Amino acid sequence: MKKAALALMTLTALGAQATPSTTFWAPSTTAVQPFLVPHITYDTYFWKGTTPGQAGSPVYPITTGLTMGVLPWENLQLEVGFDVLLPSSDPLLFNAKLGVPEDKLFPFQPSFAVGIFGVGTKGTTNTQLGTDFDILYAQVQHTIPSVGGYVSVGGYYGLQDQLLKGSDGSTNRAGFMGGFMSPDININLPWLLKMNVTADLQTGKNVFGAAGGGLYFFFTDKVDLLTGPVYFFDPASQPGGRQWFWTVQLDVDLPLRSSPPAAAAPATPPKAEAAPASSDGKTSTASSK
């Protein structure tokens, strides 16, 4: 039992970050990466404690990932991606998400999406834990009326129950996911475009169960930094047995196509010249006969 628990703690570092487009901690959003726009992420999770590389160190492997939209349609979108988590022995995990944007089918229609994440390359057997978390999820989301931002609700279900156990041995393969994003806080400085406040939640006494929140700093519309704390519901299943971690995540979009040119503004008609004033100071009016 102790050996299995230690193996599960090692796998935590792999599964907990291998996600498609996310709000903060979990894929609690219907957002789908646009067509032919690769999204590169560099994520770190850490806390004060034992030096990295030693037993009980409260740190995850660094996650480097790429996700890109692969469908050219406006009403149905699909992203696929992968994450590489190093150092680890089986670092590669895949993800995918299919979604319909808001207001595409009928007025006030929420956006919705279904997806899978944590698809590892090492299978789980009766004697050995793998990286095949294979977690299915679905989300429904809507913009907050009048102000912007969004609220998203949904849930998840893990196909590999051996990897979704709590530190007490109980199986927790399903739960709720919800997310919140604030309206844009426009800054408009030369180095900082805007900020957003964000938070999300993924329930369950397993390696994924957590809540977190923080701030997005958008330096441009394609480069942002996300940072804030993560609170785990089952700290004994986390590296170092810690309840809290801090995350810093760098995100960069790299469009492979040029943006369509903006429509030219209509030509402004020339202004009429002012009529000359008459000797009495009144403006004369030309008459045609």
C-alpha atoms as a PDB file:
ATOM      1  CA  MET A   1       0.000   0.000   0.000  1.00  0.00           C
ATOM      2  CA  LYS A   2       2.808   2.411   0.866  1.00  0.00           C
ATOM      3  CA  LYS A   3       4.561   1.648  -2.422  1.00  0.00           C
ATOM      4  CA  ALA A   4       1.365   2.324  -4.372  1.00  0.00           C
ATOM      5  CA  ALA A   5       0.852   5.609  -2.524  1.00  0.00           C
ATOM      6  CA  LEU A   6       4.374   6.759  -3.390  1.00  0.00           C
ATOM      7  CA  ALA A   7       3.818   5.857  -7.037  1.00  0.00           C
ATOM      8  CA  LEU A   8       0.565   7.797  -7.027  1.00  0.00           C
ATOM      9  CA  MET A   9       2.297  10.869  -5.621  1.00  0.00           C
ATOM     10  CA  THR A  10       4.791  10.664  -8.481  1.00  0.00           C
ATOM     11  CA  LEU A  11       1.961  10.444 -10.997  1.00  0.00           C
ATOM     12  CA  THR A  12       0.325  13.530  -9.493  1.00  0.00           C
ATOM     13  CA  ALA A  13       2.989  15.657 -11.083  1.00  0.00           C
ATOM     14  CA  LEU A  14       2.131  14.227 -14.474  1.00  0.00           C
ATOM     15  CA  GLY A  15      -1.629  14.281 -14.473  1.00  0.00           C
ATOM     16  CA  ALA A  16      -2.531  17.423 -12.628  1.00  0.00           C
ATOM     17  CA  GLN A  17      -1.196  19.814 -15.253  1.00  0.00           C
ATOM     18  CA  ALA A  18      -1.732  17.968 -18.540  1.00  0.00           C
ATOM     19  CA  THR A  19      -4.776  19.871 -19.710  1.00  0.00           C
ATOM     20  CA  PRO A  20      -6.242  21.621 -22.742  1.00  0.00           C
ATOM     21  CA  SER A  21      -7.318  25.288 -22.547  1.00  0.00           C
ATOM     22  CA  THR A  22      -7.963  26.062 -18.879  1.00  0.00           C
ATOM     23  CA  THR A  23      -9.338  28.777 -16.609  1.00  0.00           C
ATOM     24  CA  PHE A  24      -6.705  28.468 -13.858  1.00  0.00           C
ATOM     25  CA  TRP A  25      -6.116  24.932 -12.580  1.00  0.00           C
ATOM     26  CA  ALA A  26      -8.646  22.809 -14.466  1.00  0.00           C
ATOM     27  CA  PRO A  27     -10.067  22.792 -18.037  1.00  0.00           C
ATOM     28  CA  SER A  28     -13.130  24.539 -16.610  1.00  0.00           C
ATOM     29  CA  THR A  29     -13.851  26.572 -19.736  1.00  0.00           C
ATOM     30  CA  THR A  30     -15.387  26.009 -23.158  1.00  0.00           C
ATOM     31  CA  ALA A  31     -12.646  28.095 -24.803  1.00  0.00           C
ATOM     32  CA  VAL A  32     -11.080  26.368 -27.798  1.00  0.00           C
ATOM     33  CA  GLN A  33      -7.821  27.475 -29.372  1.00  0.00           C
ATOM     34  CA  PRO A  34      -8.451  29.176 -32.761  1.00  0.00           C
ATOM     35  CA  PHE A  35      -7.693  27.484 -36.066  1.00  0.00           C
ATOM     36  CA  LEU A  36      -3.948  27.325 -36.822  1.00  0.00           C
ATOM     37  CA  VAL A  37      -3.007  29.331 -33.740  1.00  0.00           C
ATOM     38  CA  PRO A  38      -0.523  27.277 -31.679  1.00  0.00           C
ATOM     39  CA  HIS A  39      -0.620  28.046 -27.958  1.00  0.00           C
ATOM     40  CA  ILE A  40       2.637  27.443 -26.096  1.00  0.00           C
ATOM     41  CA  THR A  41       2.605  27.152 -22.317  1.00  0.00           C
ATOM     42  CA  TYR A  42       5.343  26.970 -19.699  1.00  0.00           C
ATOM     43  CA  ASP A  43       3.878  26.143 -16.267  1.00  0.00           C
ATOM     44  CA  THR A  44       5.519  25.810 -12.866  1.00  0.00           C
ATOM     45  CA  TYR A  45       3.990  24.680  -9.528  1.00  0.00           C
ATOM     46  CA  PHE A  46       6.009  24.926  -6.317  1.00  0.00           C
ATOM     47  CA  TRP A  47       6.052  25.681  -2.581  1.00  0.00           C
ATOM     48  CA  LYS A  48       8.590  26.291   0.141  1.00  0.00           C
ATOM     49  CA  GLY A  49      10.214  23.112   1.428  1.00  0.00           C
ATOM     50  CA  THR A  50      12.745  20.417   0.623  1.00  0.00           C
ATOM     51  CA  THR A  51      15.216  21.155  -2.168  1.00  0.00           C
ATOM     52  CA  PRO A  52      13.993  19.954  -5.620  1.00  0.00           C
ATOM     53  CA  GLY A  53      15.274  16.514  -6.542  1.00  0.00           C
ATOM     54  CA  GLN A  54      15.049  15.185  -2.990  1.00  0.00           C
ATOM     55  CA  ALA A  55      12.285  13.052  -1.485  1.00  0.00           C
ATOM     56  CA  GLY A  56       9.372  15.135  -0.266  1.00  0.00           C
ATOM     57  CA  SER A  57      10.149  18.151  -2.422  1.00  0.00           C
ATOM     58  CA  PRO A  58       6.966  20.243  -2.937  1.00  0.00           C
ATOM     59  CA  VAL A  59       7.404  20.866  -6.636  1.00  0.00           C
ATOM     60  CA  TYR A  60       5.954  19.540  -9.885  1.00  0.00           C
ATOM     61  CA  PRO A  61       7.935  18.853 -13.041  1.00  0.00           C
ATOM     62  CA  ILE A  62       7.924  21.830 -15.406  1.00  0.00           C
ATOM     63  CA  THR A  63       5.117  21.558 -17.954  1.00  0.00           C
ATOM     64  CA  THR A  64       5.840  22.627 -21.506  1.00  0.00           C
ATOM     65  CA  GLY A  65       2.882  22.211 -23.828  1.00  0.00           C
ATOM     66  CA  LEU A  66       1.424  23.079 -27.206  1.00  0.00           C
ATOM     67  CA  THR A  67      -2.267  23.227 -28.187  1.00  0.00           C
ATOM     68  CA  MET A  68      -3.695  24.294 -31.559  1.00  0.00           C
ATOM     69  CA  GLY A  69      -7.081  24.629 -33.222  1.00  0.00           C
ATOM     70  CA  VAL A  70      -7.466  22.291 -36.204  1.00  0.00           C
ATOM     71  CA  LEU A  71     -10.948  23.020 -37.610  1.00  0.00           C
ATOM     72  CA  PRO A  72     -11.534  26.056 -39.892  1.00  0.00           C
ATOM     73  CA  TRP A  73     -15.231  26.371 -39.052  1.00  0.00           C
ATOM     74  CA  GLU A  74     -16.753  29.119 -36.960  1.00  0.00           C
ATOM     75  CA  ASN A  75     -19.638  27.131 -35.427  1.00  0.00           C
ATOM     76  CA  LEU A  76     -17.685  23.981 -34.502  1.00  0.00           C
ATOM     77  CA  GLN A  77     -14.147  24.128 -33.180  1.00  0.00           C
ATOM     78  CA  LEU A  78     -11.582  21.500 -32.185  1.00  0.00           C
ATOM     79  CA  GLU A  79      -8.233  21.785 -30.468  1.00  0.00           C
ATOM     80  CA  VAL A  80      -5.613  19.093 -29.943  1.00  0.00           C
ATOM     81  CA  GLY A  81      -2.466  19.299 -27.896  1.00  0.00           C
ATOM     82  CA  PHE A  82       0.228  17.658 -25.826  1.00  0.00           C
ATOM     83  CA  ASP A  83       2.247  18.376 -22.693  1.00  0.00           C
ATOM     84  CA  VAL A  84       5.775  17.311 -21.817  1.00  0.00           C
ATOM     85  CA  LEU A  85       6.466  17.166 -18.068  1.00  0.00           C
ATOM     86  CA  LEU A  86      10.121  16.999 -17.121  1.00  0.00           C
ATOM     87  CA  PRO A  87      11.835  15.576 -15.237  1.00  0.00           C
ATOM     88  CA  SER A  88       9.748  12.372 -15.314  1.00  0.00           C
ATOM     89  CA  SER A  89      10.095   8.905 -16.804  1.00  0.00           C
ATOM     90  CA  ASP A  90       6.970   9.012 -19.000  1.00  0.00           C
ATOM     91  CA  PRO A  91       6.536  12.731 -19.683  1.00  0.00           C
ATOM     92  CA  LEU A  92       4.149  12.850 -22.667  1.00  0.00           C
ATOM     93  CA  LEU A  93       0.390  13.367 -22.288  1.00  0.00           C
ATOM     94  CA  PHE A  94      -2.236  14.335 -24.882  1.00  0.00           C
ATOM     95  CA  ASN A  95      -5.519  16.262 -24.800  1.00  0.00           C
ATOM     96  CA  ALA A  96      -8.368  17.356 -27.085  1.00  0.00           C
ATOM     97  CA  LYS A  97     -11.494  19.518 -26.880  1.00  0.00           C
ATOM     98  CA  LEU A  98     -14.499  19.974 -29.199  1.00  0.00           C
ATOM     99  CA  GLY A  99     -16.721  23.014 -28.688  1.00  0.00           C
ATOM    100  CA  VAL A 100     -19.510  25.221 -30.027  1.00  0.00           C
ATOM    101  CA  PRO A 101     -19.134  28.987 -29.355  1.00  0.00           C
ATOM    102  CA  GLU A 102     -21.780  31.140 -27.730  1.00  0.00           C
ATOM    103  CA  ASP A 103     -24.872  32.338 -29.681  1.00  0.00           C
ATOM    104  CA  LYS A 104     -24.156  30.201 -32.752  1.00  0.00           C
ATOM    105  CA  LEU A 105     -27.285  28.015 -32.649  1.00  0.00           C
ATOM    106  CA  PHE A 106     -29.893  30.322 -31.119  1.00  0.00           C
ATOM    107  CA  PRO A 107     -30.046  33.627 -29.203  1.00  0.00           C
ATOM    108  CA  PHE A 108     -28.527  33.547 -25.689  1.00  0.00           C
ATOM    109  CA  GLN A 109     -27.213  30.042 -26.345  1.00  0.00           C
ATOM    110  CA  PRO A 110     -24.362  29.181 -23.955  1.00  0.00           C
ATOM    111  CA  SER A 111     -21.153  27.817 -25.362  1.00  0.00           C
ATOM    112  CA  PHE A 112     -20.441  24.169 -24.607  1.00  0.00           C
ATOM    113  CA  ALA A 113     -17.554  21.771 -24.998  1.00  0.00           C
ATOM    114  CA  VAL A 114     -16.546  18.163 -24.418  1.00  0.00           C
ATOM    115  CA  GLY A 115     -13.006  16.903 -24.155  1.00  0.00           C
ATOM    116  CA  ILE A 116     -10.416  14.541 -22.753  1.00  0.00           C
ATOM    117  CA  PHE A 117      -7.135  15.196 -20.961  1.00  0.00           C
ATOM    118  CA  GLY A 118      -4.385  13.271 -19.216  1.00  0.00           C
ATOM    119  CA  VAL A 119      -4.025  10.731 -22.036  1.00  0.00           C
ATOM    120  CA  GLY A 120      -0.655   9.197 -21.194  1.00  0.00           C
ATOM    121  CA  THR A 121       1.591   6.806 -23.060  1.00  0.00           C
ATOM    122  CA  LYS A 122       2.101   4.288 -20.246  1.00  0.00           C
ATOM    123  CA  GLY A 123      -0.765   1.886 -19.557  1.00  0.00           C
ATOM    124  CA  THR A 124      -1.863   0.896 -16.059  1.00  0.00           C
ATOM    125  CA  THR A 125      -1.827  -2.797 -15.123  1.00  0.00           C
ATOM    126  CA  ASN A 126      -2.738  -4.763 -11.993  1.00  0.00           C
ATOM    127  CA  THR A 127       0.831  -4.497 -10.790  1.00  0.00           C
ATOM    128  CA  GLN A 128       1.977  -1.142 -12.149  1.00  0.00           C
ATOM    129  CA  LEU A 129       0.494   2.335 -12.338  1.00  0.00           C
ATOM    130  CA  GLY A 130       0.703   4.112 -15.682  1.00  0.00           C
ATOM    131  CA  THR A 131      -0.060   7.611 -16.967  1.00  0.00           C
ATOM    132  CA  ASP A 132      -3.358   6.801 -18.708  1.00  0.00           C
ATOM    133  CA  PHE A 133      -5.624   9.049 -16.594  1.00  0.00           C
ATOM    134  CA  ASP A 134      -7.960   9.472 -19.625  1.00  0.00           C
ATOM    135  CA  ILE A 135     -10.342  11.994 -18.052  1.00  0.00           C
ATOM    136  CA  LEU A 136     -13.496  12.924 -19.966  1.00  0.00           C
ATOM    137  CA  TYR A 137     -15.224  16.228 -19.215  1.00  0.00           C
ATOM    138  CA  ALA A 138     -18.018  18.543 -20.374  1.00  0.00           C
ATOM    139  CA  GLN A 139     -18.602  22.264 -19.731  1.00  0.00           C
ATOM    140  CA  VAL A 140     -21.362  24.827 -20.337  1.00  0.00           C
ATOM    141  CA  GLN A 141     -20.457  28.504 -20.200  1.00  0.00           C
ATOM    142  CA  HIS A 142     -21.951  31.948 -20.726  1.00  0.00           C
ATOM    143  CA  THR A 143     -20.690  35.502 -20.791  1.00  0.00           C
ATOM    144  CA  ILE A 144     -21.737  37.597 -17.786  1.00  0.00           C
ATOM    145  CA  PRO A 145     -24.385  39.967 -19.247  1.00  0.00           C
ATOM    146  CA  SER A 146     -23.546  43.654 -19.616  1.00  0.00           C
ATOM    147  CA  VAL A 147     -20.063  43.430 -18.067  1.00  0.00           C
ATOM    148  CA  GLY A 148     -18.154  40.580 -19.756  1.00  0.00           C
ATOM    149  CA  GLY A 149     -16.072  37.753 -18.355  1.00  0.00           C
ATOM    150  CA  TYR A 150     -17.734  34.353 -17.945  1.00  0.00           C
ATOM    151  CA  VAL A 151     -19.039  31.656 -15.625  1.00  0.00           C
ATOM    152  CA  SER A 152     -18.595  27.987 -16.578  1.00  0.00           C
ATOM    153  CA  VAL A 153     -19.998  24.801 -14.994  1.00  0.00           C
ATOM    154  CA  GLY A 154     -19.536  21.120 -15.800  1.00  0.00           C
ATOM    155  CA  GLY A 155     -18.048  17.864 -14.634  1.00  0.00           C
ATOM    156  CA  TYR A 156     -15.484  15.153 -15.296  1.00  0.00           C
ATOM    157  CA  TYR A 157     -15.212  11.364 -15.270  1.00  0.00           C
ATOM    158  CA  GLY A 158     -11.950   9.384 -15.224  1.00  0.00           C
ATOM    159  CA  LEU A 159     -11.741   6.173 -17.221  1.00  0.00           C
ATOM    160  CA  GLN A 160      -8.828   4.773 -15.186  1.00  0.00           C
ATOM    161  CA  ASP A 161     -10.063   4.378 -11.616  1.00  0.00           C
ATOM    162  CA  GLN A 162      -6.715   3.101 -10.291  1.00  0.00           C
ATOM    163  CA  LEU A 163      -5.181   6.541 -10.880  1.00  0.00           C
ATOM    164  CA  LEU A 164      -8.056   8.472  -9.302  1.00  0.00           C
ATOM    165  CA  LYS A 165      -7.825   7.309  -5.716  1.00  0.00           C
ATOM    166  CA  GLY A 166      -7.477   9.377  -2.589  1.00  0.00           C
ATOM    167  CA  SER A 167      -4.631   8.963  -0.116  1.00  0.00           C
ATOM    168  CA  ASP A 168      -7.032   6.845   1.987  1.00  0.00           C
ATOM    169  CA  GLY A 169      -7.487   4.358  -0.879  1.00  0.00           C
ATOM    170  CA  SER A 170     -11.003   5.481  -1.832  1.00  0.00           C
ATOM    171  CA  THR A 171     -11.870   5.797  -5.537  1.00  0.00           C
ATOM    172  CA  ASN A 172     -12.951   9.282  -6.659  1.00  0.00           C
ATOM    173  CA  ARG A 173     -13.162   9.217 -10.440  1.00  0.00           C
ATOM    174  CA  ALA A 174     -15.860  11.874 -11.019  1.00  0.00           C
ATOM    175  CA  GLY A 175     -16.685  15.372  -9.832  1.00  0.00           C
ATOM    176  CA  PHE A 176     -17.719  18.952 -10.545  1.00  0.00           C
ATOM    177  CA  MET A 177     -15.698  21.557 -12.443  1.00  0.00           C
ATOM    178  CA  GLY A 178     -16.501  25.261 -12.453  1.00  0.00           C
ATOM    179  CA  GLY A 179     -14.682  28.396 -13.511  1.00  0.00           C
ATOM    180  CA  PHE A 180     -14.928  32.181 -13.400  1.00  0.00           C
ATOM    181  CA  MET A 181     -13.215  34.912 -15.413  1.00  0.00           C
ATOM    182  CA  SER A 182     -13.694  38.600 -14.629  1.00  0.00           C
ATOM    183  CA  PRO A 183     -14.321  41.299 -17.226  1.00  0.00           C
ATOM    184  CA  ASP A 184     -11.186  42.872 -18.661  1.00  0.00           C
ATOM    185  CA  ILE A 185      -9.456  45.399 -16.425  1.00  0.00           C
ATOM    186  CA  ASN A 186      -7.928  47.657 -19.049  1.00  0.00           C
ATOM    187  CA  ILE A 187      -4.542  49.076 -18.057  1.00  0.00           C
ATOM    188  CA  ASN A 188      -3.238  50.310 -21.435  1.00  0.00           C
ATOM    189  CA  LEU A 189       0.334  50.885 -20.350  1.00  0.00           C
ATOM    190  CA  PRO A 190       3.164  50.390 -22.873  1.00  0.00           C
ATOM    191  CA  TRP A 191       4.095  47.099 -21.175  1.00  0.00           C
ATOM    192  CA  LEU A 192       0.706  45.919 -19.819  1.00  0.00           C
ATOM    193  CA  LEU A 193      -2.455  45.795 -21.905  1.00  0.00           C
ATOM    194  CA  LYS A 194      -4.989  44.462 -19.382  1.00  0.00           C
ATOM    195  CA  MET A 195      -5.600  42.189 -16.367  1.00  0.00           C
ATOM    196  CA  ASN A 196      -8.223  39.607 -15.414  1.00  0.00           C
ATOM    197  CA  VAL A 197      -9.174  38.034 -12.090  1.00  0.00           C
ATOM    198  CA  THR A 198      -9.858  34.302 -12.363  1.00  0.00           C
ATOM    199  CA  ALA A 199     -10.700  31.259 -10.232  1.00  0.00           C
ATOM    200  CA  ASP A 200     -11.825  27.664 -10.690  1.00  0.00           C
ATOM    201  CA  LEU A 201     -12.616  24.437  -8.861  1.00  0.00           C
ATOM    202  CA  GLN A 202     -12.312  20.710  -9.544  1.00  0.00           C
ATOM    203  CA  THR A 203     -13.838  18.553  -6.801  1.00  0.00           C
ATOM    204  CA  GLY A 204     -12.747  15.086  -5.715  1.00  0.00           C
ATOM    205  CA  LYS A 205     -10.402  13.501  -3.202  1.00  0.00           C
ATOM    206  CA  ASN A 206      -7.806  12.584  -5.811  1.00  0.00           C
ATOM    207  CA  VAL A 207      -4.672  14.083  -7.333  1.00  0.00           C
ATOM    208  CA  PHE A 208      -6.739  16.531  -9.426  1.00  0.00           C
ATOM    209  CA  GLY A 209      -9.061  17.798  -6.681  1.00  0.00           C
ATOM    210  CA  ALA A 210      -8.216  21.448  -6.054  1.00  0.00           C
ATOM    211  CA  ALA A 211      -9.368  25.063  -6.121  1.00  0.00           C
ATOM    212  CA  GLY A 212      -7.316  28.044  -7.140  1.00  0.00           C
ATOM    213  CA  GLY A 213      -7.364  31.619  -8.281  1.00  0.00           C
ATOM    214  CA  GLY A 214      -5.131  34.420  -9.385  1.00  0.00           C
ATOM    215  CA  LEU A 215      -4.416  37.164 -11.865  1.00  0.00           C
ATOM    216  CA  TYR A 216      -3.818  37.191 -15.614  1.00  0.00           C
ATOM    217  CA  PHE A 217      -1.389  39.860 -16.830  1.00  0.00           C
ATOM    218  CA  PHE A 218      -1.723  40.426 -20.588  1.00  0.00           C
ATOM    219  CA  PHE A 219       1.397  42.134 -21.930  1.00  0.00           C
ATOM    220  CA  THR A 220      -0.097  41.923 -25.440  1.00  0.00           C
ATOM    221  CA  ASP A 221      -3.180  40.162 -26.789  1.00  0.00           C
ATOM    222  CA  LYS A 222      -0.952  37.129 -27.490  1.00  0.00           C
ATOM    223  CA  VAL A 223       1.358  36.980 -24.441  1.00  0.00           C
ATOM    224  CA  ASP A 224       0.190  36.644 -20.835  1.00  0.00           C
ATOM    225  CA  LEU A 225       1.372  35.557 -17.402  1.00  0.00           C
ATOM    226  CA  LEU A 226      -0.939  33.821 -14.894  1.00  0.00           C
ATOM    227  CA  THR A 227      -0.027  33.492 -11.227  1.00  0.00           C
ATOM    228  CA  GLY A 228      -1.733  32.572  -7.950  1.00  0.00           C
ATOM    229  CA  PRO A 229      -2.199  29.838  -5.306  1.00  0.00           C
ATOM    230  CA  VAL A 230      -3.695  26.347  -5.653  1.00  0.00           C
ATOM    231  CA  TYR A 231      -5.374  24.624  -2.685  1.00  0.00           C
ATOM    232  CA  PHE A 232      -5.510  20.789  -2.804  1.00  0.00           C
ATOM    233  CA  PHE A 233      -8.346  18.803  -1.221  1.00  0.00           C
ATOM    234  CA  ASP A 234      -6.153  15.730  -0.603  1.00  0.00           C
ATOM    235  CA  PRO A 235      -2.713  17.076   0.369  1.00  0.00           C
ATOM    236  CA  ALA A 236      -1.350  13.631   1.230  1.00  0.00           C
ATOM    237  CA  SER A 237      -1.508  12.745  -2.485  1.00  0.00           C
ATOM    238  CA  GLN A 238       0.524  15.799  -3.515  1.00  0.00           C
ATOM    239  CA  PRO A 239       4.322  16.149  -3.763  1.00  0.00           C
ATOM    240  CA  GLY A 240       5.719  16.839  -0.330  1.00  0.00           C
ATOM    241  CA  GLY A 241       2.267  16.267   1.198  1.00  0.00           C
ATOM    242  CA  ARG A 242       1.535  19.987   0.829  1.00  0.00           C
ATOM    243  CA  GLN A 243      -1.934  21.532   0.798  1.00  0.00           C
ATOM    244  CA  TRP A 244      -0.858  24.706  -1.014  1.00  0.00           C
ATOM    245  CA  PHE A 245       1.173  25.307  -4.142  1.00  0.00           C
ATOM    246  CA  TRP A 246       1.939  28.488  -6.061  1.00  0.00           C
ATOM    247  CA  THR A 247       1.818  28.530  -9.842  1.00  0.00           C
ATOM    248  CA  VAL A 248       3.373  30.782 -12.475  1.00  0.00           C
ATOM    249  CA  GLN A 249       2.241  30.111 -16.050  1.00  0.00           C
ATOM    250  CA  LEU A 250       3.515  31.791 -19.215  1.00  0.00           C
ATOM    251  CA  ASP A 251       1.265  31.575 -22.297  1.00  0.00           C
ATOM    252  CA  VAL A 252       2.079  32.623 -25.866  1.00  0.00           C
ATOM    253  CA  ASP A 253      -0.109  32.448 -28.994  1.00  0.00           C
ATOM    254  CA  LEU A 254       1.707  32.180 -32.343  1.00  0.00           C
ATOM    255  CA  PRO A 255      -0.751  32.586 -35.262  1.00  0.00           C
ATOM    256  CA  LEU A 256       0.380  30.736 -38.379  1.00  0.00           C
ATOM    257  CA  ARG A 257      -1.774  32.910 -40.625  1.00  0.00           C
ATOM    258  CA  SER A 258      -1.931  36.661 -41.053  1.00  0.00           C
ATOM    259  CA  SER A 259      -4.988  38.359 -39.643  1.00  0.00           C
ATOM    260  CA  PRO A 260      -7.434  39.458 -42.343  1.00  0.00           C
ATOM    261  CA  PRO A 261      -6.944  43.125 -43.243  1.00  0.00           C
ATOM    262  CA  ALA A 262      -9.368  45.540 -41.668  1.00  0.00           C
ATOM    263  CA  ALA A 263     -12.036  46.914 -43.952  1.00  0.00           C
ATOM    264  CA  ALA A 264     -11.122  50.289 -45.409  1.00  0.00           C
ATOM    265  CA  ALA A 265     -13.035  53.199 -43.943  1.00  0.00           C
ATOM    266  CA  PRO A 266     -15.384  54.935 -46.377  1.00  0.00           C
ATOM    267  CA  ALA A 267     -13.993  58.068 -47.984  1.00  0.00           C
ATOM    268  CA  THR A 268     -15.068  61.257 -46.244  1.00  0.00           C
ATOM    269  CA  PRO A 269     -16.839  63.644 -48.645  1.00  0.00           C
ATOM    270  CA  PRO A 270     -15.068  66.995 -49.059  1.00  0.00           C
ATOM    271  CA  LYS A 271     -16.410  69.754 -46.869  1.00  0.00           C
ATOM    272  CA  ALA A 272     -18.310  72.547 -48.640  1.00  0.00           C
ATOM    273  CA  GLU A 273     -16.509  75.850 -48.725  1.00  0.00           C
ATOM    274  CA  ALA A 274     -18.055  78.602 -46.675  1.00  0.00           C
ATOM    275  CA  ALA A 275     -19.993  81.159 -48.689  1.00  0.00           C
ATOM    276  CA  PRO A 276     -18.461  84.646 -48.735  1.00  0.00           C
ATOM    277  CA  ALA A 277     -20.005  87.156 -46.370  1.00  0.00           C
ATOM    278  CA  SER A 278     -21.977  90.094 -47.777  1.00  0.00           C
ATOM    279  CA  SER A 279     -21.169  93.645 -46.947  1.00  0.00           C
ATOM    280  CA  ASP A 280     -23.708  93.594 -44.108  1.00  0.00           C
ATOM    281  CA  GLY A 281     -21.953  90.634 -42.472  1.00  0.00           C
ATOM    282  CA  LYS A 282     -24.582  88.051 -43.460  1.00  0.00           C
ATOM    283  CA  THR A 283     -23.695  84.976 -45.440  1.00  0.00           C
ATOM    284  CA  SER A 284     -24.826  85.259 -49.034  1.00  0.00           C
ATOM    285  CA  THR A 285     -26.827  82.458 -50.583  1.00  0.00           C
ATOM    286  CA  ALA A 286     -26.294  81.466 -54.214  1.00  0.00           C
ATOM    287  CA  SER A 287     -29.499  81.037 -56.159  1.00  0.00           C
ATOM    288  CA  SER A 288     -30.074  79.245 -59.395  1.00  0.00           C
ATOM    289  CA  LYS A 289     -32.520  80.389 -61.938  1.00  0.00           C
END
